[in-house]
Amino acid sequence: MMLLLTSGHPTSGHPTSGLTRSLAGRLVRRLIFALMLAMFLAISLTGATGRAMAADFDKAKAAYEAGDYQTAYAELLPLAEAGDAAAQNYLGVLYDKGHGVPQDYAKAIKWYRRAAEAGLAPAQYNLGLMYDNGWGTPQDYAEAIKWWGRAAEAGDAEAQYNLGVMYDNGQGVPQNYAEAMSWYRRAAEAGIAPAQYNLGSMHLKGQGVPQHYTTAAKWYQRAANANHASAQFNLGLMYDKGLGVPQDDNAAFRWIRRAARAGVVEAQYELGMMFRNSNSHDVPEIATNAFRWFRRAAAQGHVDPKHNLGFLYSNGKGVPQDFITAHMWYSLAASKGNDLAAEDRAIIASQMSPAEIERAQARAAQCLASDYQDCGG
């Protein structure tokens, strides 16, 4: 630094060192001060800009969460263009969902990709979804796995679960139950209920791990506590059969009923059977409950409840005896390959007039055409 300050270009008739040592020192100190001041101002401006951008992002996020998508877009766009990865991801979501802007998967991918390449795990997860579903791009499981893999390694639990599904089903990768188990476990321990359910099922079936009912029940229990309906049903069956847990009819009934109320068709049928097979099945209220759950399961297309509904109507259990309606349900079950239902239909048909059988057949056709919604019983 001193050499630069004291070595000027020589001029004719003058010495080459035209500055004194004291003057040079003062210039050095002033230059150092000026440099420090410039650095301070630059840091201050950067900090102020960062705080302003953070405040703008918070405003955008609040607007998004309040459903004010146009304000969110207006706040996010300049942040995203300035390179804010979180803003880029949110902007991708707006285009993905069509919130505040016309839905545009191509633009969603553009913004997801920018944020994903900057290392933002939620954007990597979202970009993986786009490739998995073929939204705005040809479906590409390998690309989905690539982006989910990055997000999963960064600790994104949903990406970990999705990777488990891909390895479980052999989509985009060779099927590998052990690898699926590894990713399911990481997601399950992070509280992802579907991962807990799948982990329970793999222990139940012995896929990628030795079959172990107790461990299966443990994971089903965790998922069931998180209101995963299929886990509730499976846990109920395990209590019913005493697999991995002590046999407990009351616990089985409670969990299966919760699953049935949540719409699990198998649970609705199973609950109907519990009522029908109850020691008090002749009590009208019990029989009515059996009918109610069989009817719900039948409305979702389950075959076996149709046969049971035929039985209830033909015997007047929980409903008034009605051979026409019984014949209808027996016919619907028989059409799905239930031979016992066909036999029971023949028995009641022998007690019906041709006109009644014709009405029953018309009712069955109407019920089927309405997807089991308009069945008259």
Protein backbone atom coordinates (compact mmCIF):
# COMPACT_ATOMS: atom_id res chain seq x y z
CA MET A 1 0.00 0.00 0.00
CA MET A 2 2.84 2.42 0.85
CA LEU A 3 4.52 1.74 -2.47
CA LEU A 4 1.40 2.62 -4.37
CA LEU A 5 1.04 5.87 -2.50
CA THR A 6 4.69 7.04 -2.75
CA SER A 7 5.71 5.94 -6.24
CA GLY A 8 4.22 8.38 -8.69
CA HIS A 9 5.10 8.76 -12.35
CA PRO A 10 8.36 10.81 -12.65
CA THR A 11 8.11 14.19 -14.24
CA SER A 12 10.94 16.09 -15.88
CA GLY A 13 13.15 17.82 -13.35
CA HIS A 14 11.35 16.48 -10.23
CA PRO A 15 12.22 13.63 -7.87
CA THR A 16 10.20 10.47 -8.11
CA SER A 17 9.07 10.56 -4.44
CA GLY A 18 6.91 13.65 -4.29
CA LEU A 19 4.95 12.72 -1.06
CA THR A 20 6.33 12.95 2.43
CA ARG A 21 6.09 10.03 4.86
CA SER A 22 3.63 11.89 7.13
CA LEU A 23 1.29 12.80 4.32
CA ALA A 24 1.38 9.24 3.02
CA GLY A 25 0.41 7.93 6.45
CA ARG A 26 -2.57 10.24 6.67
CA LEU A 27 -3.75 9.14 3.24
CA VAL A 28 -3.44 5.47 4.22
CA ARG A 29 -5.52 5.98 7.34
CA ARG A 30 -8.16 7.88 5.37
CA LEU A 31 -8.31 5.15 2.73
CA ILE A 32 -8.65 2.43 5.35
CA PHE A 33 -11.42 4.40 7.06
CA ALA A 34 -13.20 4.89 3.74
CA LEU A 35 -12.99 1.19 2.96
CA MET A 36 -14.32 0.22 6.40
CA LEU A 37 -17.18 2.71 6.06
CA ALA A 38 -18.07 1.32 2.64
CA MET A 39 -18.07 -2.21 3.98
CA PHE A 40 -20.24 -1.19 6.94
CA LEU A 41 -22.73 0.53 4.66
CA ALA A 42 -22.82 -2.48 2.34
CA ILE A 43 -23.46 -4.85 5.23
CA SER A 44 -26.10 -2.53 6.65
CA LEU A 45 -27.85 -2.26 3.29
CA THR A 46 -27.71 -6.03 2.83
CA GLY A 47 -29.17 -6.57 6.29
CA ALA A 48 -31.86 -3.99 5.69
CA THR A 49 -32.70 -5.55 2.35
CA GLY A 50 -32.82 -9.00 3.95
CA ARG A 51 -35.11 -7.76 6.70
CA ALA A 52 -37.35 -6.06 4.15
CA MET A 53 -37.52 -9.23 2.05
CA ALA A 54 -38.32 -11.30 5.14
CA ALA A 55 -41.08 -8.87 6.06
CA ASP A 56 -42.47 -9.04 2.50
CA PHE A 57 -42.38 -12.83 2.58
CA ASP A 58 -44.17 -12.91 5.94
CA LYS A 59 -46.84 -10.63 4.44
CA ALA A 60 -47.16 -12.88 1.40
CA LYS A 61 -47.39 -16.00 3.54
CA ALA A 62 -50.05 -14.45 5.77
CA ALA A 63 -52.06 -13.42 2.69
CA TYR A 64 -51.76 -16.95 1.26
CA GLU A 65 -52.93 -18.56 4.49
CA ALA A 66 -55.86 -16.12 4.64
CA GLY A 67 -56.88 -17.09 1.11
CA ASP A 68 -55.96 -13.68 -0.31
CA TYR A 69 -54.05 -15.20 -3.20
CA GLN A 70 -53.82 -12.09 -5.37
CA THR A 71 -52.03 -10.19 -2.61
CA ALA A 72 -49.83 -13.21 -1.99
CA TYR A 73 -48.90 -13.31 -5.68
CA ALA A 74 -48.11 -9.59 -5.80
CA GLU A 75 -45.80 -9.94 -2.79
CA LEU A 76 -44.19 -13.20 -3.89
CA LEU A 77 -43.34 -12.39 -7.50
CA PRO A 78 -40.59 -9.78 -6.86
CA LEU A 79 -39.14 -11.94 -4.09
CA ALA A 80 -39.09 -14.99 -6.33
CA GLU A 81 -37.50 -13.04 -9.17
CA ALA A 82 -34.86 -11.82 -6.71
CA GLY A 83 -33.95 -15.42 -5.93
CA ASP A 84 -35.86 -16.11 -2.70
CA ALA A 85 -36.33 -19.90 -2.79
CA ALA A 86 -39.23 -19.98 -0.33
CA ALA A 87 -41.07 -17.37 -2.41
CA GLN A 88 -40.34 -19.35 -5.56
CA ASN A 89 -41.88 -22.45 -4.00
CA TYR A 90 -44.99 -20.57 -2.87
CA LEU A 91 -45.31 -19.04 -6.33
CA GLY A 92 -45.14 -22.54 -7.77
CA VAL A 93 -47.98 -23.58 -5.47
CA LEU A 94 -50.14 -20.67 -6.68
CA TYR A 95 -49.69 -21.74 -10.30
CA ASP A 96 -50.05 -25.42 -9.36
CA LYS A 97 -53.40 -24.89 -7.63
CA GLY A 98 -54.65 -21.98 -9.72
CA HIS A 99 -54.84 -19.71 -6.67
CA GLY A 100 -54.90 -16.04 -7.65
CA VAL A 101 -53.62 -16.91 -11.13
CA PRO A 102 -54.82 -19.22 -13.92
CA GLN A 103 -53.67 -22.75 -13.23
CA ASP A 104 -50.46 -23.34 -15.17
CA TYR A 105 -48.46 -26.47 -14.46
CA ALA A 106 -45.58 -25.36 -16.69
CA LYS A 107 -45.08 -22.18 -14.65
CA ALA A 108 -45.50 -24.16 -11.44
CA ILE A 109 -42.69 -26.46 -12.53
CA LYS A 110 -40.53 -23.48 -13.49
CA TRP A 111 -40.74 -21.98 -9.99
CA TYR A 112 -40.56 -25.31 -8.19
CA ARG A 113 -37.42 -26.14 -10.14
CA ARG A 114 -35.70 -22.86 -9.27
CA ALA A 115 -36.38 -23.40 -5.57
CA ALA A 116 -35.53 -27.09 -5.77
CA GLU A 117 -32.19 -26.40 -7.42
CA ALA A 118 -31.48 -23.94 -4.62
CA GLY A 119 -31.86 -26.87 -2.20
CA LEU A 120 -35.34 -26.14 -0.76
CA ALA A 121 -36.77 -29.52 0.31
CA PRO A 122 -40.49 -28.61 0.03
CA ALA A 123 -39.91 -27.49 -3.56
CA GLN A 124 -38.02 -30.69 -4.31
CA TYR A 125 -40.98 -32.63 -2.93
CA ASN A 126 -43.44 -30.62 -5.02
CA LEU A 127 -41.37 -31.02 -8.17
CA GLY A 128 -41.33 -34.76 -7.56
CA LEU A 129 -45.12 -34.74 -7.38
CA MET A 130 -45.33 -33.03 -10.76
CA TYR A 131 -43.20 -35.73 -12.38
CA ASP A 132 -45.00 -38.52 -10.53
CA ASN A 133 -48.42 -37.39 -11.74
CA GLY A 134 -47.38 -36.09 -15.14
CA TRP A 135 -48.63 -32.58 -14.43
CA GLY A 136 -47.13 -30.10 -16.89
CA THR A 137 -44.55 -32.66 -17.95
CA PRO A 138 -44.51 -36.25 -19.21
CA GLN A 139 -44.88 -38.67 -16.31
CA ASP A 140 -41.40 -39.69 -15.21
CA TYR A 141 -41.02 -41.85 -12.11
CA ALA A 142 -37.23 -41.68 -12.26
CA GLU A 143 -37.30 -37.87 -12.08
CA ALA A 144 -39.86 -38.04 -9.27
CA ILE A 145 -37.58 -40.36 -7.34
CA LYS A 146 -34.57 -38.10 -7.97
CA TRP A 147 -36.27 -35.05 -6.46
CA TRP A 148 -37.97 -36.94 -3.66
CA GLY A 149 -34.61 -38.49 -2.87
CA ARG A 150 -33.06 -35.05 -2.39
CA ALA A 151 -35.96 -33.90 -0.25
CA ALA A 152 -35.94 -37.14 1.74
CA GLU A 153 -32.23 -36.87 2.50
CA ALA A 154 -32.91 -33.34 3.74
CA GLY A 155 -35.46 -34.76 6.18
CA ASP A 156 -38.75 -34.19 4.35
CA ALA A 157 -40.97 -36.91 5.85
CA GLU A 158 -43.58 -36.91 3.07
CA ALA A 159 -40.85 -37.40 0.48
CA GLN A 160 -39.51 -40.27 2.58
CA TYR A 161 -42.95 -41.86 2.57
CA ASN A 162 -43.32 -41.43 -1.20
CA LEU A 163 -39.93 -43.03 -1.79
CA GLY A 164 -41.08 -45.96 0.33
CA VAL A 165 -44.17 -46.34 -1.86
CA MET A 166 -42.05 -46.30 -5.04
CA TYR A 167 -39.73 -49.02 -3.74
CA ASP A 168 -42.70 -50.96 -2.35
CA ASN A 169 -44.49 -50.96 -5.73
CA GLY A 170 -41.43 -51.05 -7.96
CA GLN A 171 -42.26 -47.78 -9.73
CA GLY A 172 -39.24 -46.13 -11.33
CA VAL A 173 -36.97 -48.48 -9.39
CA PRO A 174 -36.72 -52.26 -8.97
CA GLN A 175 -39.08 -53.43 -6.27
CA ASN A 176 -37.17 -53.56 -3.00
CA TYR A 177 -39.08 -54.22 0.20
CA ALA A 178 -36.05 -53.65 2.41
CA GLU A 179 -35.49 -50.20 0.89
CA ALA A 180 -39.20 -49.46 1.18
CA MET A 181 -39.08 -50.44 4.84
CA SER A 182 -36.13 -48.12 5.43
CA TRP A 183 -37.95 -45.08 4.03
CA TYR A 184 -41.28 -45.99 5.61
CA ARG A 185 -39.59 -46.23 8.99
CA ARG A 186 -38.01 -42.77 8.71
CA ALA A 187 -41.34 -41.26 7.69
CA ALA A 188 -43.25 -43.24 10.32
CA GLU A 189 -40.97 -42.07 13.09
CA ALA A 190 -41.62 -38.51 11.90
CA GLY A 191 -45.34 -39.10 12.42
CA ILE A 192 -46.59 -39.77 8.87
CA ALA A 193 -49.65 -41.98 9.48
CA PRO A 194 -49.76 -43.67 6.04
CA ALA A 195 -46.12 -44.67 6.53
CA GLN A 196 -46.98 -46.11 9.94
CA TYR A 197 -49.84 -48.05 8.35
CA ASN A 198 -47.64 -49.41 5.55
CA LEU A 199 -44.92 -50.31 8.01
CA GLY A 200 -47.48 -52.25 10.03
CA SER A 201 -48.70 -54.05 6.90
CA MET A 202 -45.16 -55.06 5.92
CA HIS A 203 -44.56 -56.54 9.36
CA LEU A 204 -47.92 -58.28 9.16
CA LYS A 205 -47.11 -59.85 5.78
CA GLY A 206 -43.38 -60.36 6.36
CA GLN A 207 -42.34 -58.18 3.43
CA GLY A 208 -38.76 -56.90 3.72
CA VAL A 209 -38.69 -58.06 7.33
CA PRO A 210 -39.58 -61.25 9.23
CA GLN A 211 -43.31 -61.47 9.96
CA HIS A 212 -43.97 -60.00 13.39
CA TYR A 213 -47.53 -59.44 14.58
CA THR A 214 -46.61 -57.47 17.69
CA THR A 215 -44.63 -54.92 15.68
CA ALA A 216 -47.41 -54.77 13.10
CA ALA A 217 -49.94 -54.02 15.83
CA LYS A 218 -47.64 -51.34 17.28
CA TRP A 219 -47.48 -49.43 14.01
CA TYR A 220 -51.18 -49.92 13.31
CA GLN A 221 -51.87 -48.50 16.76
CA ARG A 222 -49.84 -45.37 16.05
CA ALA A 223 -51.55 -44.81 12.72
CA ALA A 224 -54.97 -45.57 14.21
CA ASN A 225 -54.39 -43.01 16.94
CA ALA A 226 -53.73 -40.50 14.14
CA ASN A 227 -57.16 -41.38 12.66
CA HIS A 228 -55.88 -43.51 9.79
CA ALA A 229 -59.08 -45.42 9.04
CA SER A 230 -57.56 -48.51 7.40
CA ALA A 231 -55.15 -48.86 10.32
CA GLN A 232 -58.11 -48.70 12.68
CA PHE A 233 -59.81 -51.52 10.78
CA ASN A 234 -56.68 -53.71 10.71
CA LEU A 235 -56.03 -53.07 14.38
CA GLY A 236 -59.62 -54.10 15.12
CA LEU A 237 -59.11 -57.35 13.22
CA MET A 238 -55.93 -58.04 15.18
CA TYR A 239 -57.80 -57.59 18.46
CA ASP A 240 -60.58 -59.80 17.10
CA LYS A 241 -58.15 -62.62 16.29
CA GLY A 242 -55.61 -61.95 19.06
CA LEU A 243 -52.73 -61.36 16.66
CA GLY A 244 -49.89 -59.41 18.27
CA VAL A 245 -52.27 -58.18 20.98
CA PRO A 246 -54.43 -59.95 23.56
CA GLN A 247 -57.76 -61.06 22.08
CA ASP A 248 -60.32 -58.42 23.02
CA ASP A 249 -63.83 -58.33 21.52
CA ASN A 250 -64.57 -54.90 22.92
CA ALA A 251 -61.39 -53.35 21.51
CA ALA A 252 -62.05 -55.06 18.18
CA PHE A 253 -65.57 -53.63 18.06
CA ARG A 254 -64.41 -50.10 18.97
CA TRP A 255 -61.70 -49.92 16.33
CA ILE A 256 -63.77 -51.54 13.57
CA ARG A 257 -66.67 -49.21 14.33
CA ARG A 258 -64.37 -46.17 14.07
CA ALA A 259 -63.14 -47.38 10.70
CA ALA A 260 -66.69 -48.08 9.53
CA ARG A 261 -67.79 -44.59 10.49
CA ALA A 262 -64.84 -43.22 8.53
CA GLY A 263 -66.14 -45.00 5.42
CA VAL A 264 -63.96 -48.14 5.18
CA VAL A 265 -66.28 -50.48 3.31
CA GLU A 266 -64.67 -53.67 4.66
CA ALA A 267 -65.14 -52.34 8.19
CA GLN A 268 -68.80 -51.56 7.50
CA TYR A 269 -69.37 -55.11 6.34
CA GLU A 270 -67.41 -56.57 9.27
CA LEU A 271 -69.39 -54.44 11.74
CA GLY A 272 -72.62 -55.66 10.16
CA MET A 273 -71.43 -59.23 10.67
CA MET A 274 -70.57 -58.48 14.29
CA PHE A 275 -74.12 -57.33 14.89
CA ARG A 276 -75.62 -60.23 12.93
CA ASN A 277 -73.49 -62.82 14.77
CA SER A 278 -74.11 -61.26 18.16
CA ASN A 279 -75.67 -63.45 20.83
CA SER A 280 -78.42 -60.83 20.85
CA HIS A 281 -78.93 -60.80 17.07
CA ASP A 282 -82.67 -61.41 17.52
CA VAL A 283 -83.02 -58.18 19.51
CA PRO A 284 -84.59 -55.70 17.04
CA GLU A 285 -82.06 -52.93 17.74
CA ILE A 286 -79.14 -55.27 17.10
CA ALA A 287 -80.65 -56.55 13.85
CA THR A 288 -81.36 -52.99 12.76
CA ASN A 289 -77.72 -52.08 13.28
CA ALA A 290 -76.68 -55.08 11.21
CA PHE A 291 -78.99 -53.91 8.42
CA ARG A 292 -77.70 -50.33 8.62
CA TRP A 293 -74.03 -51.31 8.21
CA PHE A 294 -74.73 -53.90 5.53
CA ARG A 295 -76.66 -51.26 3.62
CA ARG A 296 -73.77 -48.77 3.82
CA ALA A 297 -71.29 -51.36 2.62
CA ALA A 298 -73.60 -52.44 -0.20
CA ALA A 299 -73.94 -48.82 -1.35
CA GLN A 300 -70.16 -48.84 -1.89
CA GLY A 301 -70.34 -51.95 -4.04
CA HIS A 302 -69.24 -54.63 -1.56
CA VAL A 303 -70.66 -57.98 -2.67
CA ASP A 304 -71.14 -59.88 0.60
CA PRO A 305 -73.44 -57.34 2.29
CA LYS A 306 -75.92 -57.78 -0.58
CA HIS A 307 -76.35 -61.43 0.32
CA ASN A 308 -76.77 -60.52 3.98
CA LEU A 309 -79.34 -57.86 3.13
CA GLY A 310 -81.28 -60.51 1.24
CA PHE A 311 -81.17 -62.69 4.34
CA LEU A 312 -82.42 -59.88 6.61
CA TYR A 313 -85.34 -59.03 4.30
CA SER A 314 -86.30 -62.64 3.70
CA ASN A 315 -86.38 -63.33 7.46
CA GLY A 316 -87.65 -59.94 8.68
CA LYS A 317 -84.56 -59.30 10.81
CA GLY A 318 -84.14 -55.58 11.56
CA VAL A 319 -86.54 -54.75 8.71
CA PRO A 320 -90.07 -55.81 7.76
CA GLN A 321 -90.13 -59.11 5.90
CA ASP A 322 -90.13 -58.36 2.15
CA PHE A 323 -89.50 -61.10 -0.40
CA ILE A 324 -89.36 -58.69 -3.34
CA THR A 325 -86.56 -56.65 -1.77
CA ALA A 326 -84.85 -59.84 -0.55
CA HIS A 327 -84.99 -61.25 -4.10
CA MET A 328 -83.48 -58.00 -5.41
CA TRP A 329 -80.50 -58.16 -3.03
CA TYR A 330 -79.98 -61.88 -3.62
CA SER A 331 -79.97 -61.21 -7.39
CA LEU A 332 -77.41 -58.43 -7.04
CA ALA A 333 -75.14 -60.66 -4.97
CA ALA A 334 -75.60 -63.60 -7.36
CA SER A 335 -74.67 -61.38 -10.32
CA LYS A 336 -71.27 -60.90 -8.67
CA GLY A 337 -70.66 -64.65 -8.39
CA ASN A 338 -72.17 -65.40 -4.97
CA ASP A 339 -73.56 -68.90 -5.49
CA LEU A 340 -75.11 -69.10 -2.03
CA ALA A 341 -77.11 -65.96 -2.78
CA ALA A 342 -78.41 -67.62 -5.96
CA GLU A 343 -79.52 -70.63 -3.93
CA ASP A 344 -81.29 -68.45 -1.37
CA ARG A 345 -82.98 -66.51 -4.16
CA ALA A 346 -84.36 -69.75 -5.60
CA ILE A 347 -85.80 -70.65 -2.20
CA ILE A 348 -87.79 -67.43 -1.81
CA ALA A 349 -88.70 -67.35 -5.52
CA SER A 350 -90.67 -70.54 -4.95
CA GLN A 351 -92.88 -68.53 -2.57
CA MET A 352 -93.33 -65.55 -4.93
CA SER A 353 -95.68 -64.89 -7.83
CA PRO A 354 -94.33 -64.25 -11.35
CA ALA A 355 -95.40 -60.60 -11.00
CA GLU A 356 -93.48 -60.25 -7.74
CA ILE A 357 -90.38 -61.79 -9.30
CA GLU A 358 -90.68 -59.40 -12.24
CA ARG A 359 -90.88 -56.45 -9.86
CA ALA A 360 -87.84 -57.73 -7.97
CA GLN A 361 -85.86 -58.02 -11.19
CA ALA A 362 -86.84 -54.48 -12.23
CA ARG A 363 -85.79 -53.20 -8.81
CA ALA A 364 -82.43 -54.96 -9.16
CA ALA A 365 -81.83 -53.35 -12.57
CA GLN A 366 -82.75 -49.93 -11.16
CA CYS A 367 -80.47 -50.40 -8.15
CA LEU A 368 -77.56 -51.44 -10.35
CA ALA A 369 -78.09 -48.55 -12.77
CA SER A 370 -78.00 -46.09 -9.85
CA ASP A 371 -74.74 -47.57 -8.54
CA TYR A 372 -76.59 -49.00 -5.53
CA GLN A 373 -78.03 -45.63 -4.46
CA ASP A 374 -81.66 -46.12 -5.55
CA CYS A 375 -82.49 -49.61 -4.33
CA GLY A 376 -85.65 -48.99 -2.32
CA GLY A 377 -84.26 -50.71 0.73
